[in-house]
Amino acid sequence: MATILTQGLYAKPRRSSLTGKFIPVASLPELAEEALVNKLKIKVVPSKALERYNSGESTQVPTGRVIAVKGRVSRKMAYNGKSIKFEYVA
């Protein structure tokens, strides 16, 4: 059994100890970044929010659901109603 992220992208599942349902082994941002780099060959860079947080300009911790990419992504990656947003960087 596999967890579907988007058409053609699947994640290895494990059974949740809390609910007993199948969930992905890794988090959604980790799975999306891995799929972008390895399968779709799209370069991933730190988002603006992550750069501001790391430089100390902001105290808000980024959620990780925004991934900055160099290139065009035409597919939506989501699981269980939660999706990844893409920030395009030149």
PDB file of N, CA and C in Angstrom:
ATOM      1  N   MET A   1       0.848  -1.180   0.000  1.00  0.00           N
ATOM      2  CA  MET A   1       0.000   0.000   0.000  1.00  0.00           C
ATOM      3  C   MET A   1       0.888   1.236   0.000  1.00  0.00           C
ATOM      4  N   ALA A   2       0.550   2.227  -0.791  1.00  0.00           N
ATOM      5  CA  ALA A   2       1.335   3.453  -0.878  1.00  0.00           C
ATOM      6  C   ALA A   2       0.421   4.663  -0.668  1.00  0.00           C
ATOM      7  N   THR A   3       0.996   5.730  -0.161  1.00  0.00           N
ATOM      8  CA  THR A   3       0.287   6.977   0.037  1.00  0.00           C
ATOM      9  C   THR A   3       0.483   7.839  -1.198  1.00  0.00           C
ATOM     10  N   ILE A   4      -0.591   8.334  -1.788  1.00  0.00           N
ATOM     11  CA  ILE A   4      -0.509   9.127  -3.009  1.00  0.00           C
ATOM     12  C   ILE A   4      -0.362  10.598  -2.657  1.00  0.00           C
ATOM     13  N   LEU A   5       0.693  11.249  -3.208  1.00  0.00           N
ATOM     14  CA  LEU A   5       0.882  12.686  -3.029  1.00  0.00           C
ATOM     15  C   LEU A   5       0.304  13.448  -4.206  1.00  0.00           C
ATOM     16  N   THR A   6       0.551  12.955  -5.398  1.00  0.00           N
ATOM     17  CA  THR A   6       0.027  13.514  -6.633  1.00  0.00           C
ATOM     18  C   THR A   6       0.148  12.433  -7.687  1.00  0.00           C
ATOM     19  N   GLN A   7      -0.363  12.674  -8.853  1.00  0.00           N
ATOM     20  CA  GLN A   7      -0.311  11.653  -9.892  1.00  0.00           C
ATOM     21  C   GLN A   7       1.138  11.271 -10.196  1.00  0.00           C
ATOM     22  N   GLY A   8       1.473  10.013 -10.001  1.00  0.00           N
ATOM     23  CA  GLY A   8       2.819   9.527 -10.283  1.00  0.00           C
ATOM     24  C   GLY A   8       3.795   9.642  -9.134  1.00  0.00           C
ATOM     25  N   LEU A   9       3.408  10.254  -8.025  1.00  0.00           N
ATOM     26  CA  LEU A   9       4.279  10.385  -6.858  1.00  0.00           C
ATOM     27  C   LEU A   9       3.623   9.702  -5.661  1.00  0.00           C
ATOM     28  N   TYR A  10       4.329   8.735  -5.121  1.00  0.00           N
ATOM     29  CA  TYR A  10       3.801   7.964  -3.995  1.00  0.00           C
ATOM     30  C   TYR A  10       4.796   7.996  -2.842  1.00  0.00           C
ATOM     31  N   ALA A  11       4.306   7.836  -1.643  1.00  0.00           N
ATOM     32  CA  ALA A  11       5.150   7.826  -0.449  1.00  0.00           C
ATOM     33  C   ALA A  11       4.944   6.516   0.294  1.00  0.00           C
ATOM     34  N   LYS A  12       6.008   6.051   0.917  1.00  0.00           N
ATOM     35  CA  LYS A  12       5.941   4.839   1.724  1.00  0.00           C
ATOM     36  C   LYS A  12       5.134   5.144   2.991  1.00  0.00           C
ATOM     37  N   PRO A  13       4.129   4.323   3.321  1.00  0.00           N
ATOM     38  CA  PRO A  13       3.318   4.595   4.509  1.00  0.00           C
ATOM     39  C   PRO A  13       3.738   3.770   5.722  1.00  0.00           C
ATOM     40  N   ARG A  14       3.267   4.213   6.865  1.00  0.00           N
ATOM     41  CA  ARG A  14       3.368   3.433   8.102  1.00  0.00           C
ATOM     42  C   ARG A  14       2.064   3.649   8.850  1.00  0.00           C
ATOM     43  N   ARG A  15       1.766   2.761   9.759  1.00  0.00           N
ATOM     44  CA  ARG A  15       0.526   2.882  10.524  1.00  0.00           C
ATOM     45  C   ARG A  15       0.752   3.839  11.700  1.00  0.00           C
ATOM     46  N   SER A  16      -0.133   4.794  11.865  1.00  0.00           N
ATOM     47  CA  SER A  16      -0.056   5.765  12.954  1.00  0.00           C
ATOM     48  C   SER A  16      -0.363   5.076  14.283  1.00  0.00           C
ATOM     49  N   SER A  17       0.451   5.365  15.289  1.00  0.00           N
ATOM     50  CA  SER A  17       0.206   4.784  16.609  1.00  0.00           C
ATOM     51  C   SER A  17      -0.977   5.457  17.314  1.00  0.00           C
ATOM     52  N   LEU A  18      -1.350   6.654  16.868  1.00  0.00           N
ATOM     53  CA  LEU A  18      -2.467   7.370  17.488  1.00  0.00           C
ATOM     54  C   LEU A  18      -3.813   6.995  16.888  1.00  0.00           C
ATOM     55  N   THR A  19      -3.890   7.013  15.543  1.00  0.00           N
ATOM     56  CA  THR A  19      -5.176   6.792  14.891  1.00  0.00           C
ATOM     57  C   THR A  19      -5.309   5.417  14.269  1.00  0.00           C
ATOM     58  N   GLY A  20      -4.197   4.745  13.994  1.00  0.00           N
ATOM     59  CA  GLY A  20      -4.252   3.445  13.344  1.00  0.00           C
ATOM     60  C   GLY A  20      -4.352   3.536  11.836  1.00  0.00           C
ATOM     61  N   LYS A  21      -4.438   4.760  11.289  1.00  0.00           N
ATOM     62  CA  LYS A  21      -4.515   4.952   9.839  1.00  0.00           C
ATOM     63  C   LYS A  21      -3.103   4.976   9.257  1.00  0.00           C
ATOM     64  N   PHE A  22      -3.023   4.777   7.939  1.00  0.00           N
ATOM     65  CA  PHE A  22      -1.736   4.843   7.264  1.00  0.00           C
ATOM     66  C   PHE A  22      -1.377   6.298   6.989  1.00  0.00           C
ATOM     67  N   ILE A  23      -0.136   6.673   7.313  1.00  0.00           N
ATOM     68  CA  ILE A  23       0.376   8.022   7.071  1.00  0.00           C
ATOM     69  C   ILE A  23       1.745   7.898   6.416  1.00  0.00           C
ATOM     70  N   PRO A  24       2.214   8.949   5.717  1.00  0.00           N
ATOM     71  CA  PRO A  24       3.546   8.892   5.109  1.00  0.00           C
ATOM     72  C   PRO A  24       4.635   8.789   6.173  1.00  0.00           C
ATOM     73  N   VAL A  25       5.753   8.165   5.812  1.00  0.00           N
ATOM     74  CA  VAL A  25       6.875   7.989   6.734  1.00  0.00           C
ATOM     75  C   VAL A  25       7.524   9.334   7.058  1.00  0.00           C
ATOM     76  N   ALA A  26       7.649  10.220   6.065  1.00  0.00           N
ATOM     77  CA  ALA A  26       8.261  11.538   6.259  1.00  0.00           C
ATOM     78  C   ALA A  26       7.185  12.618   6.181  1.00  0.00           C
ATOM     79  N   SER A  27       7.577  13.843   6.534  1.00  0.00           N
ATOM     80  CA  SER A  27       6.624  14.958   6.481  1.00  0.00           C
ATOM     81  C   SER A  27       6.375  15.369   5.036  1.00  0.00           C
ATOM     82  N   LEU A  28       5.272  16.060   4.804  1.00  0.00           N
ATOM     83  CA  LEU A  28       4.899  16.488   3.460  1.00  0.00           C
ATOM     84  C   LEU A  28       5.953  17.390   2.823  1.00  0.00           C
ATOM     85  N   PRO A  29       6.502  18.396   3.531  1.00  0.00           N
ATOM     86  CA  PRO A  29       7.551  19.213   2.907  1.00  0.00           C
ATOM     87  C   PRO A  29       8.792  18.405   2.522  1.00  0.00           C
ATOM     88  N   GLU A  30       9.186  17.441   3.348  1.00  0.00           N
ATOM     89  CA  GLU A  30      10.342  16.599   3.023  1.00  0.00           C
ATOM     90  C   GLU A  30      10.074  15.752   1.787  1.00  0.00           C
ATOM     91  N   LEU A  31       8.894  15.180   1.701  1.00  0.00           N
ATOM     92  CA  LEU A  31       8.541  14.355   0.555  1.00  0.00           C
ATOM     93  C   LEU A  31       8.457  15.181  -0.725  1.00  0.00           C
ATOM     94  N   ALA A  32       7.875  16.373  -0.634  1.00  0.00           N
ATOM     95  CA  ALA A  32       7.746  17.233  -1.810  1.00  0.00           C
ATOM     96  C   ALA A  32       9.114  17.680  -2.302  1.00  0.00           C
ATOM     97  N   GLU A  33       9.992  18.063  -1.383  1.00  0.00           N
ATOM     98  CA  GLU A  33      11.331  18.505  -1.778  1.00  0.00           C
ATOM     99  C   GLU A  33      12.106  17.361  -2.422  1.00  0.00           C
ATOM    100  N   GLU A  34      12.003  16.178  -1.860  1.00  0.00           N
ATOM    101  CA  GLU A  34      12.685  15.018  -2.433  1.00  0.00           C
ATOM    102  C   GLU A  34      12.156  14.712  -3.837  1.00  0.00           C
ATOM    103  N   ALA A  35      10.839  14.800  -4.025  1.00  0.00           N
ATOM    104  CA  ALA A  35      10.255  14.544  -5.339  1.00  0.00           C
ATOM    105  C   ALA A  35      10.683  15.594  -6.355  1.00  0.00           C
ATOM    106  N   LEU A  36      10.735  16.859  -5.934  1.00  0.00           N
ATOM    107  CA  LEU A  36      11.151  17.920  -6.848  1.00  0.00           C
ATOM    108  C   LEU A  36      12.582  17.732  -7.307  1.00  0.00           C
ATOM    109  N   VAL A  37      13.472  17.426  -6.389  1.00  0.00           N
ATOM    110  CA  VAL A  37      14.894  17.311  -6.710  1.00  0.00           C
ATOM    111  C   VAL A  37      15.191  16.022  -7.464  1.00  0.00           C
ATOM    112  N   ASN A  38      14.727  14.898  -6.959  1.00  0.00           N
ATOM    113  CA  ASN A  38      15.109  13.603  -7.525  1.00  0.00           C
ATOM    114  C   ASN A  38      14.296  13.191  -8.752  1.00  0.00           C
ATOM    115  N   LYS A  39      13.001  13.373  -8.717  1.00  0.00           N
ATOM    116  CA  LYS A  39      12.160  12.889  -9.809  1.00  0.00           C
ATOM    117  C   LYS A  39      11.924  13.939 -10.884  1.00  0.00           C
ATOM    118  N   LEU A  40      11.625  15.161 -10.478  1.00  0.00           N
ATOM    119  CA  LEU A  40      11.280  16.204 -11.444  1.00  0.00           C
ATOM    120  C   LEU A  40      12.480  17.047 -11.875  1.00  0.00           C
ATOM    121  N   LYS A  41      13.626  16.875 -11.218  1.00  0.00           N
ATOM    122  CA  LYS A  41      14.878  17.580 -11.556  1.00  0.00           C
ATOM    123  C   LYS A  41      14.720  19.103 -11.512  1.00  0.00           C
ATOM    124  N   ILE A  42      14.058  19.589 -10.456  1.00  0.00           N
ATOM    125  CA  ILE A  42      13.857  21.024 -10.249  1.00  0.00           C
ATOM    126  C   ILE A  42      14.695  21.447  -9.056  1.00  0.00           C
ATOM    127  N   LYS A  43      15.430  22.557  -9.207  1.00  0.00           N
ATOM    128  CA  LYS A  43      16.302  23.031  -8.138  1.00  0.00           C
ATOM    129  C   LYS A  43      15.469  23.704  -7.045  1.00  0.00           C
ATOM    130  N   VAL A  44      15.738  23.324  -5.803  1.00  0.00           N
ATOM    131  CA  VAL A  44      15.031  23.873  -4.638  1.00  0.00           C
ATOM    132  C   VAL A  44      16.003  24.761  -3.869  1.00  0.00           C
ATOM    133  N   VAL A  45      15.548  25.970  -3.517  1.00  0.00           N
ATOM    134  CA  VAL A  45      16.357  26.926  -2.751  1.00  0.00           C
ATOM    135  C   VAL A  45      15.566  27.361  -1.521  1.00  0.00           C
ATOM    136  N   PRO A  46      16.233  27.970  -0.531  1.00  0.00           N
ATOM    137  CA  PRO A  46      15.490  28.445   0.656  1.00  0.00           C
ATOM    138  C   PRO A  46      14.471  29.527   0.291  1.00  0.00           C
ATOM    139  N   SER A  47      13.297  29.475   0.897  1.00  0.00           N
ATOM    140  CA  SER A  47      12.259  30.480   0.636  1.00  0.00           C
ATOM    141  C   SER A  47      12.626  31.792   1.317  1.00  0.00           C
ATOM    142  N   LYS A  48      11.923  32.852   0.932  1.00  0.00           N
ATOM    143  CA  LYS A  48      12.182  34.174   1.522  1.00  0.00           C
ATOM    144  C   LYS A  48      11.922  34.167   3.025  1.00  0.00           C
ATOM    145  N   ALA A  49      10.850  33.494   3.437  1.00  0.00           N
ATOM    146  CA  ALA A  49      10.520  33.430   4.865  1.00  0.00           C
ATOM    147  C   ALA A  49      11.610  32.702   5.648  1.00  0.00           C
ATOM    148  N   LEU A  50      12.144  31.624   5.077  1.00  0.00           N
ATOM    149  CA  LEU A  50      13.214  30.875   5.732  1.00  0.00           C
ATOM    150  C   LEU A  50      14.496  31.694   5.806  1.00  0.00           C
ATOM    151  N   GLU A  51      14.813  32.422   4.748  1.00  0.00           N
ATOM    152  CA  GLU A  51      16.005  33.275   4.761  1.00  0.00           C
ATOM    153  C   GLU A  51      15.883  34.378   5.810  1.00  0.00           C
ATOM    154  N   ARG A  52      14.690  35.014   5.914  1.00  0.00           N
ATOM    155  CA  ARG A  52      14.480  36.063   6.921  1.00  0.00           C
ATOM    156  C   ARG A  52      14.605  35.504   8.333  1.00  0.00           C
ATOM    157  N   TYR A  53      14.076  34.303   8.559  1.00  0.00           N
ATOM    158  CA  TYR A  53      14.158  33.679   9.873  1.00  0.00           C
ATOM    159  C   TYR A  53      15.607  33.338  10.227  1.00  0.00           C
ATOM    160  N   ASN A  54      16.332  32.749   9.287  1.00  0.00           N
ATOM    161  CA  ASN A  54      17.720  32.358   9.531  1.00  0.00           C
ATOM    162  C   ASN A  54      18.646  33.551   9.738  1.00  0.00           C
ATOM    163  N   SER A  55      18.343  34.684   9.083  1.00  0.00           N
ATOM    164  CA  SER A  55      19.185  35.867   9.241  1.00  0.00           C
ATOM    165  C   SER A  55      18.821  36.678  10.483  1.00  0.00           C
ATOM    166  N   GLY A  56      17.728  36.354  11.147  1.00  0.00           N
ATOM    167  CA  GLY A  56      17.327  37.057  12.364  1.00  0.00           C
ATOM    168  C   GLY A  56      16.405  38.234  12.117  1.00  0.00           C
ATOM    169  N   GLU A  57      15.984  38.451  10.864  1.00  0.00           N
ATOM    170  CA  GLU A  57      15.084  39.561  10.542  1.00  0.00           C
ATOM    171  C   GLU A  57      13.658  39.297  11.039  1.00  0.00           C
ATOM    172  N   SER A  58      13.307  38.015  11.193  1.00  0.00           N
ATOM    173  CA  SER A  58      11.964  37.645  11.611  1.00  0.00           C
ATOM    174  C   SER A  58      12.045  36.604  12.722  1.00  0.00           C
ATOM    175  N   THR A  59      11.057  36.624  13.603  1.00  0.00           N
ATOM    176  CA  THR A  59      11.001  35.613  14.660  1.00  0.00           C
ATOM    177  C   THR A  59       9.952  34.550  14.364  1.00  0.00           C
ATOM    178  N   GLN A  60       9.219  34.727  13.254  1.00  0.00           N
ATOM    179  CA  GLN A  60       8.202  33.750  12.883  1.00  0.00           C
ATOM    180  C   GLN A  60       8.869  32.539  12.231  1.00  0.00           C
ATOM    181  N   VAL A  61       8.594  31.380  12.766  1.00  0.00           N
ATOM    182  CA  VAL A  61       9.168  30.148  12.240  1.00  0.00           C
ATOM    183  C   VAL A  61       8.383  29.732  10.997  1.00  0.00           C
ATOM    184  N   PRO A  62       9.054  29.528   9.857  1.00  0.00           N
ATOM    185  CA  PRO A  62       8.343  29.101   8.641  1.00  0.00           C
ATOM    186  C   PRO A  62       7.728  27.711   8.823  1.00  0.00           C
ATOM    187  N   THR A  63       6.579  27.499   8.200  1.00  0.00           N
ATOM    188  CA  THR A  63       5.883  26.221   8.328  1.00  0.00           C
ATOM    189  C   THR A  63       6.530  25.123   7.506  1.00  0.00           C
ATOM    190  N   GLY A  64       7.243  25.490   6.470  1.00  0.00           N
ATOM    191  CA  GLY A  64       7.841  24.502   5.585  1.00  0.00           C
ATOM    192  C   GLY A  64       6.925  24.116   4.446  1.00  0.00           C
ATOM    193  N   ARG A  65       5.729  24.645   4.416  1.00  0.00           N
ATOM    194  CA  ARG A  65       4.798  24.307   3.344  1.00  0.00           C
ATOM    195  C   ARG A  65       4.968  25.191   2.118  1.00  0.00           C
ATOM    196  N   VAL A  66       5.903  26.152   2.176  1.00  0.00           N
ATOM    197  CA  VAL A  66       6.238  26.961   1.013  1.00  0.00           C
ATOM    198  C   VAL A  66       7.649  26.576   0.600  1.00  0.00           C
ATOM    199  N   ILE A  67       7.788  26.100  -0.622  1.00  0.00           N
ATOM    200  CA  ILE A  67       9.077  25.667  -1.133  1.00  0.00           C
ATOM    201  C   ILE A  67       9.446  26.573  -2.298  1.00  0.00           C
ATOM    202  N   ALA A  68      10.634  27.188  -2.219  1.00  0.00           N
ATOM    203  CA  ALA A  68      11.113  28.055  -3.294  1.00  0.00           C
ATOM    204  C   ALA A  68      11.802  27.193  -4.339  1.00  0.00           C
ATOM    205  N   VAL A  69      11.439  27.395  -5.603  1.00  0.00           N
ATOM    206  CA  VAL A  69      11.979  26.593  -6.693  1.00  0.00           C
ATOM    207  C   VAL A  69      12.502  27.481  -7.808  1.00  0.00           C
ATOM    208  N   LYS A  70      13.521  26.984  -8.489  1.00  0.00           N
ATOM    209  CA  LYS A  70      14.015  27.635  -9.701  1.00  0.00           C
ATOM    210  C   LYS A  70      13.507  26.802 -10.860  1.00  0.00           C
ATOM    211  N   GLY A  71      12.439  27.235 -11.453  1.00  0.00           N
ATOM    212  CA  GLY A  71      11.794  26.489 -12.523  1.00  0.00           C
ATOM    213  C   GLY A  71      10.297  26.455 -12.299  1.00  0.00           C
ATOM    214  N   ARG A  72       9.600  25.894 -13.258  1.00  0.00           N
ATOM    215  CA  ARG A  72       8.145  25.857 -13.199  1.00  0.00           C
ATOM    216  C   ARG A  72       7.675  24.491 -12.705  1.00  0.00           C
ATOM    217  N   VAL A  73       6.714  24.515 -11.794  1.00  0.00           N
ATOM    218  CA  VAL A  73       6.104  23.297 -11.276  1.00  0.00           C
ATOM    219  C   VAL A  73       4.626  23.361 -11.636  1.00  0.00           C
ATOM    220  N   SER A  74       4.163  22.374 -12.385  1.00  0.00           N
ATOM    221  CA  SER A  74       2.778  22.415 -12.852  1.00  0.00           C
ATOM    222  C   SER A  74       1.876  21.422 -12.117  1.00  0.00           C
ATOM    223  N   ARG A  75       2.366  20.818 -11.061  1.00  0.00           N
ATOM    224  CA  ARG A  75       1.521  19.869 -10.330  1.00  0.00           C
ATOM    225  C   ARG A  75       1.336  20.292  -8.884  1.00  0.00           C
ATOM    226  N   LYS A  76       0.250  19.827  -8.318  1.00  0.00           N
ATOM    227  CA  LYS A  76      -0.062  20.121  -6.927  1.00  0.00           C
ATOM    228  C   LYS A  76       0.335  18.914  -6.090  1.00  0.00           C
ATOM    229  N   MET A  77       1.036  19.148  -4.998  1.00  0.00           N
ATOM    230  CA  MET A  77       1.416  18.066  -4.094  1.00  0.00           C
ATOM    231  C   MET A  77       0.661  18.258  -2.788  1.00  0.00           C
ATOM    232  N   ALA A  78      -0.104  17.244  -2.414  1.00  0.00           N
ATOM    233  CA  ALA A  78      -0.935  17.363  -1.223  1.00  0.00           C
ATOM    234  C   ALA A  78      -1.157  15.998  -0.601  1.00  0.00           C
ATOM    235  N   TYR A  79      -1.485  16.024   0.684  1.00  0.00           N
ATOM    236  CA  TYR A  79      -1.868  14.819   1.391  1.00  0.00           C
ATOM    237  C   TYR A  79      -2.827  15.211   2.512  1.00  0.00           C
ATOM    238  N   ASN A  80      -3.952  14.535   2.567  1.00  0.00           N
ATOM    239  CA  ASN A  80      -4.917  14.709   3.645  1.00  0.00           C
ATOM    240  C   ASN A  80      -5.373  16.165   3.794  1.00  0.00           C
ATOM    241  N   GLY A  81      -5.586  16.845   2.682  1.00  0.00           N
ATOM    242  CA  GLY A  81      -6.071  18.221   2.709  1.00  0.00           C
ATOM    243  C   GLY A  81      -5.007  19.280   2.903  1.00  0.00           C
ATOM    244  N   LYS A  82      -3.759  18.892   3.117  1.00  0.00           N
ATOM    245  CA  LYS A  82      -2.663  19.850   3.287  1.00  0.00           C
ATOM    246  C   LYS A  82      -1.822  19.846   2.020  1.00  0.00           C
ATOM    247  N   SER A  83      -1.536  21.042   1.486  1.00  0.00           N
ATOM    248  CA  SER A  83      -0.806  21.106   0.223  1.00  0.00           C
ATOM    249  C   SER A  83       0.453  21.950   0.348  1.00  0.00           C
ATOM    250  N   ILE A  84       1.309  21.810  -0.645  1.00  0.00           N
ATOM    251  CA  ILE A  84       2.557  22.561  -0.726  1.00  0.00           C
ATOM    252  C   ILE A  84       2.355  23.716  -1.687  1.00  0.00           C
ATOM    253  N   LYS A  85       2.811  24.894  -1.317  1.00  0.00           N
ATOM    254  CA  LYS A  85       2.787  26.071  -2.187  1.00  0.00           C
ATOM    255  C   LYS A  85       4.201  26.265  -2.732  1.00  0.00           C
ATOM    256  N   PHE A  86       4.293  26.779  -3.943  1.00  0.00           N
ATOM    257  CA  PHE A  86       5.591  27.008  -4.565  1.00  0.00           C
ATOM    258  C   PHE A  86       5.856  28.485  -4.739  1.00  0.00           C
ATOM    259  N   GLU A  87       7.076  28.898  -4.406  1.00  0.00           N
ATOM    260  CA  GLU A  87       7.522  30.278  -4.546  1.00  0.00           C
ATOM    261  C   GLU A  87       8.575  30.265  -5.661  1.00  0.00           C
ATOM    262  N   TYR A  88       8.306  30.970  -6.741  1.00  0.00           N
ATOM    263  CA  TYR A  88       9.218  30.955  -7.872  1.00  0.00           C
ATOM    264  C   TYR A  88      10.316  31.982  -7.690  1.00  0.00           C
ATOM    265  N   VAL A  89      11.572  31.553  -7.870  1.00  0.00           N
ATOM    266  CA  VAL A  89      12.743  32.403  -7.686  1.00  0.00           C
ATOM    267  C   VAL A  89      13.486  32.467  -9.008  1.00  0.00           C
ATOM    268  N   ALA A  90      13.937  33.650  -9.374  1.00  0.00           N
ATOM    269  CA  ALA A  90      14.665  33.820 -10.651  1.00  0.00           C
ATOM    270  C   ALA A  90      16.078  33.309 -10.548  1.00  0.00           C
TER     271      ALA A  90
END
